[in-house]
Amino acid sequence: MSIYNYDDFQGLLEYFLRNDSNGQDEFDRFVERNIKNEKNKCSNIVVTMCINEELKNVLINMITLGYSITLLHCDKNLYENKFLKELENFNIKCFNLKDIIN
């Protein structure tokens, strides 16, 4: 799948929702339930439209448990996002998909 614009990104998110997560739980519950199934401290990539406090807390918790996190986001207000700096302070790699796509 090629991602060139916002609609393509929405399509990717919808694909993940339909085919991978089944959209049954909130993200924090999904992580809590499934992180125990990880046999090693693997790298994880999280794709999201925006960064909120709930997501920030889940990602920081994963880092403190020893997981490596890369966050791909499409936040329209990148420089106004108060959570991004905090995530980066925890060595979470954050990339704006708009910068990657363009």
N, C-alpha and C. Protein backbone atom coordinates (compact mmCIF):
# COMPACT_ATOMS: atom_id res chain seq x y z
N MET A 1 0.85 -1.18 0.00
CA MET A 1 0.00 0.00 0.00
C MET A 1 0.89 1.24 0.00
N SER A 2 0.61 2.14 -0.88
CA SER A 2 1.34 3.40 -0.95
C SER A 2 0.56 4.47 -0.22
N ILE A 3 1.28 5.31 0.52
CA ILE A 3 0.63 6.39 1.27
C ILE A 3 1.18 7.71 0.75
N TYR A 4 0.30 8.46 0.08
CA TYR A 4 0.70 9.74 -0.49
C TYR A 4 -0.04 10.93 0.11
N ASN A 5 -1.16 10.66 0.78
CA ASN A 5 -1.94 11.77 1.31
C ASN A 5 -2.77 11.29 2.51
N TYR A 6 -3.54 12.20 3.06
CA TYR A 6 -4.36 11.92 4.24
C TYR A 6 -5.33 10.76 4.01
N ASP A 7 -5.96 10.72 2.85
CA ASP A 7 -6.93 9.66 2.57
C ASP A 7 -6.25 8.29 2.52
N ASP A 8 -5.04 8.23 1.97
CA ASP A 8 -4.29 6.98 1.97
C ASP A 8 -3.97 6.53 3.39
N PHE A 9 -3.60 7.49 4.24
CA PHE A 9 -3.29 7.18 5.63
C PHE A 9 -4.53 6.66 6.35
N GLN A 10 -5.67 7.30 6.11
CA GLN A 10 -6.92 6.84 6.69
C GLN A 10 -7.22 5.40 6.26
N GLY A 11 -6.95 5.11 5.00
CA GLY A 11 -7.15 3.76 4.49
C GLY A 11 -6.26 2.75 5.19
N LEU A 12 -5.02 3.13 5.46
CA LEU A 12 -4.11 2.26 6.19
C LEU A 12 -4.62 1.99 7.61
N LEU A 13 -5.06 3.04 8.28
CA LEU A 13 -5.59 2.88 9.64
C LEU A 13 -6.82 1.99 9.64
N GLU A 14 -7.69 2.18 8.68
CA GLU A 14 -8.89 1.34 8.59
C GLU A 14 -8.52 -0.12 8.30
N TYR A 15 -7.50 -0.33 7.48
CA TYR A 15 -7.03 -1.69 7.20
C TYR A 15 -6.56 -2.36 8.49
N PHE A 16 -5.73 -1.64 9.27
CA PHE A 16 -5.25 -2.20 10.54
C PHE A 16 -6.40 -2.50 11.48
N LEU A 17 -7.34 -1.60 11.55
CA LEU A 17 -8.47 -1.79 12.44
C LEU A 17 -9.29 -3.02 12.06
N ARG A 18 -9.55 -3.18 10.78
CA ARG A 18 -10.35 -4.32 10.31
C ARG A 18 -9.61 -5.63 10.36
N ASN A 19 -8.32 -5.64 10.03
CA ASN A 19 -7.60 -6.88 9.82
C ASN A 19 -6.69 -7.31 10.97
N ASP A 20 -6.28 -6.40 11.81
CA ASP A 20 -5.30 -6.76 12.83
C ASP A 20 -5.82 -6.63 14.25
N SER A 21 -6.36 -5.51 14.62
CA SER A 21 -6.73 -5.31 16.02
C SER A 21 -8.18 -5.70 16.31
N ASN A 22 -8.98 -5.84 15.29
CA ASN A 22 -10.41 -6.10 15.43
C ASN A 22 -11.14 -4.97 16.15
N GLY A 23 -10.45 -3.92 16.56
CA GLY A 23 -11.07 -2.75 17.14
C GLY A 23 -11.92 -3.02 18.38
N GLN A 24 -11.61 -4.05 19.14
CA GLN A 24 -12.45 -4.43 20.28
C GLN A 24 -12.14 -3.65 21.56
N ASP A 25 -10.91 -3.25 21.77
CA ASP A 25 -10.51 -2.62 23.02
C ASP A 25 -9.92 -1.24 22.76
N GLU A 26 -9.86 -0.46 23.84
CA GLU A 26 -9.08 0.76 23.81
C GLU A 26 -7.61 0.35 23.71
N PHE A 27 -6.77 1.24 23.19
CA PHE A 27 -5.37 0.89 22.94
C PHE A 27 -4.66 0.45 24.21
N ASP A 28 -4.88 1.15 25.33
CA ASP A 28 -4.18 0.78 26.56
C ASP A 28 -4.56 -0.62 27.02
N ARG A 29 -5.83 -0.98 26.92
CA ARG A 29 -6.26 -2.33 27.31
C ARG A 29 -5.69 -3.37 26.35
N PHE A 30 -5.66 -3.04 25.07
CA PHE A 30 -5.10 -3.94 24.08
C PHE A 30 -3.63 -4.23 24.39
N VAL A 31 -2.86 -3.20 24.72
CA VAL A 31 -1.44 -3.38 25.04
C VAL A 31 -1.29 -4.19 26.32
N GLU A 32 -2.03 -3.82 27.36
CA GLU A 32 -1.92 -4.55 28.63
C GLU A 32 -2.23 -6.04 28.45
N ARG A 33 -3.23 -6.36 27.66
CA ARG A 33 -3.62 -7.74 27.45
C ARG A 33 -2.58 -8.51 26.63
N ASN A 34 -1.99 -7.87 25.66
CA ASN A 34 -1.11 -8.57 24.73
C ASN A 34 0.38 -8.48 25.05
N ILE A 35 0.78 -7.54 25.87
CA ILE A 35 2.22 -7.37 26.12
C ILE A 35 2.78 -8.59 26.86
N LYS A 36 1.96 -9.28 27.60
CA LYS A 36 2.40 -10.47 28.31
C LYS A 36 2.73 -11.60 27.34
N ASN A 37 2.22 -11.54 26.13
CA ASN A 37 2.48 -12.57 25.13
C ASN A 37 3.83 -12.40 24.44
N GLU A 38 4.46 -11.24 24.64
CA GLU A 38 5.76 -10.99 24.02
C GLU A 38 6.82 -11.81 24.74
N LYS A 39 7.57 -12.61 23.99
CA LYS A 39 8.58 -13.47 24.59
C LYS A 39 9.89 -12.75 24.84
N ASN A 40 10.12 -11.64 24.17
CA ASN A 40 11.32 -10.85 24.38
C ASN A 40 10.96 -9.37 24.27
N LYS A 41 11.90 -8.56 24.61
CA LYS A 41 11.68 -7.11 24.57
C LYS A 41 11.90 -6.61 23.15
N CYS A 42 10.92 -6.84 22.30
CA CYS A 42 11.05 -6.53 20.89
C CYS A 42 10.74 -5.05 20.62
N SER A 43 11.02 -4.65 19.40
CA SER A 43 10.68 -3.31 18.95
C SER A 43 9.22 -3.28 18.55
N ASN A 44 8.59 -2.16 18.80
CA ASN A 44 7.18 -1.99 18.47
C ASN A 44 7.00 -0.69 17.70
N ILE A 45 6.17 -0.75 16.68
CA ILE A 45 5.83 0.45 15.92
C ILE A 45 4.35 0.74 16.15
N VAL A 46 4.07 1.96 16.56
CA VAL A 46 2.69 2.39 16.81
C VAL A 46 2.36 3.45 15.77
N VAL A 47 1.22 3.26 15.09
CA VAL A 47 0.75 4.21 14.09
C VAL A 47 -0.52 4.85 14.61
N THR A 48 -0.57 6.17 14.63
CA THR A 48 -1.73 6.87 15.15
C THR A 48 -1.93 8.20 14.41
N MET A 49 -3.16 8.68 14.44
CA MET A 49 -3.45 9.98 13.84
C MET A 49 -2.97 11.12 14.73
N CYS A 50 -3.09 10.95 16.04
CA CYS A 50 -2.70 12.02 16.95
C CYS A 50 -2.19 11.41 18.25
N ILE A 51 -1.54 12.24 19.02
CA ILE A 51 -0.96 11.81 20.30
C ILE A 51 -1.80 12.43 21.41
N ASN A 52 -2.32 11.58 22.29
CA ASN A 52 -3.05 12.10 23.44
C ASN A 52 -2.40 11.57 24.72
N GLU A 53 -2.94 11.98 25.85
CA GLU A 53 -2.32 11.61 27.12
C GLU A 53 -2.36 10.10 27.37
N GLU A 54 -3.45 9.46 27.01
CA GLU A 54 -3.58 8.02 27.19
C GLU A 54 -2.50 7.27 26.41
N LEU A 55 -2.33 7.62 25.14
CA LEU A 55 -1.31 6.99 24.32
C LEU A 55 0.08 7.27 24.89
N LYS A 56 0.32 8.50 25.27
CA LYS A 56 1.62 8.87 25.85
C LYS A 56 1.94 7.98 27.04
N ASN A 57 0.99 7.82 27.95
CA ASN A 57 1.21 7.01 29.16
C ASN A 57 1.47 5.54 28.82
N VAL A 58 0.74 4.99 27.86
CA VAL A 58 0.95 3.59 27.46
C VAL A 58 2.35 3.41 26.89
N LEU A 59 2.77 4.33 26.03
CA LEU A 59 4.08 4.21 25.41
C LEU A 59 5.21 4.36 26.42
N ILE A 60 5.06 5.28 27.35
CA ILE A 60 6.07 5.45 28.40
C ILE A 60 6.14 4.21 29.27
N ASN A 61 4.99 3.62 29.58
CA ASN A 61 4.97 2.38 30.36
C ASN A 61 5.70 1.27 29.61
N MET A 62 5.49 1.16 28.31
CA MET A 62 6.17 0.14 27.52
C MET A 62 7.68 0.35 27.54
N ILE A 63 8.11 1.61 27.46
CA ILE A 63 9.55 1.91 27.50
C ILE A 63 10.12 1.50 28.85
N THR A 64 9.41 1.80 29.93
CA THR A 64 9.93 1.44 31.26
C THR A 64 9.97 -0.07 31.46
N LEU A 65 9.19 -0.82 30.69
CA LEU A 65 9.23 -2.28 30.74
C LEU A 65 10.34 -2.85 29.85
N GLY A 66 11.04 -1.98 29.13
CA GLY A 66 12.18 -2.42 28.34
C GLY A 66 11.94 -2.57 26.85
N TYR A 67 10.78 -2.16 26.36
CA TYR A 67 10.48 -2.27 24.94
C TYR A 67 11.00 -1.05 24.18
N SER A 68 11.35 -1.26 22.95
CA SER A 68 11.75 -0.18 22.06
C SER A 68 10.50 0.25 21.29
N ILE A 69 10.27 1.56 21.22
CA ILE A 69 9.06 2.08 20.60
C ILE A 69 9.41 3.08 19.50
N THR A 70 8.75 2.94 18.38
CA THR A 70 8.78 3.96 17.32
C THR A 70 7.33 4.37 17.09
N LEU A 71 7.09 5.67 17.10
CA LEU A 71 5.75 6.21 16.93
C LEU A 71 5.66 6.93 15.58
N LEU A 72 4.72 6.49 14.76
CA LEU A 72 4.41 7.17 13.50
C LEU A 72 3.07 7.86 13.69
N HIS A 73 3.07 9.16 13.56
CA HIS A 73 1.83 9.91 13.80
C HIS A 73 1.57 10.88 12.66
N CYS A 74 0.38 11.41 12.65
CA CYS A 74 -0.02 12.35 11.62
C CYS A 74 -0.64 13.58 12.29
N ASP A 75 -0.04 13.99 13.39
CA ASP A 75 -0.57 15.11 14.16
C ASP A 75 -0.44 16.40 13.35
N LYS A 76 -1.54 17.07 13.16
CA LYS A 76 -1.54 18.31 12.39
C LYS A 76 -0.85 19.45 13.14
N ASN A 77 -0.87 19.41 14.46
CA ASN A 77 -0.28 20.46 15.28
C ASN A 77 0.99 19.97 15.95
N LEU A 78 1.94 19.52 15.14
CA LEU A 78 3.16 18.90 15.65
C LEU A 78 3.86 19.78 16.68
N TYR A 79 4.01 21.05 16.41
CA TYR A 79 4.77 21.91 17.30
C TYR A 79 3.97 22.33 18.53
N GLU A 80 2.69 22.14 18.50
CA GLU A 80 1.86 22.49 19.65
C GLU A 80 1.59 21.28 20.54
N ASN A 81 2.02 20.11 20.12
CA ASN A 81 1.72 18.90 20.87
C ASN A 81 2.61 18.79 22.09
N LYS A 82 2.02 18.92 23.27
CA LYS A 82 2.79 18.91 24.51
C LYS A 82 3.30 17.53 24.88
N PHE A 83 2.74 16.49 24.29
CA PHE A 83 3.15 15.13 24.64
C PHE A 83 4.36 14.66 23.84
N LEU A 84 4.57 15.20 22.67
CA LEU A 84 5.65 14.75 21.80
C LEU A 84 7.01 14.90 22.46
N LYS A 85 7.26 16.04 23.04
CA LYS A 85 8.55 16.29 23.69
C LYS A 85 8.78 15.30 24.83
N GLU A 86 7.75 15.03 25.61
CA GLU A 86 7.87 14.09 26.71
C GLU A 86 8.20 12.68 26.20
N LEU A 87 7.56 12.27 25.13
CA LEU A 87 7.86 10.96 24.54
C LEU A 87 9.30 10.89 24.07
N GLU A 88 9.76 11.94 23.42
CA GLU A 88 11.15 11.96 22.94
C GLU A 88 12.13 11.95 24.11
N ASN A 89 11.77 12.55 25.24
CA ASN A 89 12.62 12.51 26.42
C ASN A 89 12.78 11.10 26.97
N PHE A 90 11.85 10.21 26.66
CA PHE A 90 11.92 8.81 27.06
C PHE A 90 12.54 7.94 25.95
N ASN A 91 13.18 8.59 24.99
CA ASN A 91 13.84 7.90 23.87
C ASN A 91 12.87 7.12 22.99
N ILE A 92 11.66 7.63 22.86
CA ILE A 92 10.70 7.08 21.92
C ILE A 92 10.91 7.83 20.61
N LYS A 93 11.20 7.08 19.56
CA LYS A 93 11.42 7.70 18.24
C LYS A 93 10.07 8.10 17.67
N CYS A 94 9.91 9.38 17.36
CA CYS A 94 8.63 9.90 16.85
C CYS A 94 8.84 10.48 15.45
N PHE A 95 8.00 10.04 14.52
CA PHE A 95 8.08 10.52 13.15
C PHE A 95 6.70 10.96 12.69
N ASN A 96 6.66 12.15 12.11
CA ASN A 96 5.42 12.64 11.53
C ASN A 96 5.30 12.06 10.13
N LEU A 97 4.22 11.32 9.88
CA LEU A 97 4.04 10.68 8.58
C LEU A 97 3.95 11.70 7.44
N LYS A 98 3.49 12.88 7.74
CA LYS A 98 3.43 13.91 6.70
C LYS A 98 4.82 14.24 6.19
N ASP A 99 5.81 14.25 7.09
CA ASP A 99 7.18 14.52 6.68
C ASP A 99 7.75 13.36 5.85
N ILE A 100 7.35 12.15 6.19
CA ILE A 100 7.83 10.97 5.47
C ILE A 100 7.17 10.89 4.09
N ILE A 101 5.88 11.19 4.03
CA ILE A 101 5.13 11.08 2.77
C ILE A 101 5.56 12.14 1.77
N ASN A 102 5.78 13.36 2.25
CA ASN A 102 6.10 14.47 1.34
C ASN A 102 7.52 14.45 0.92
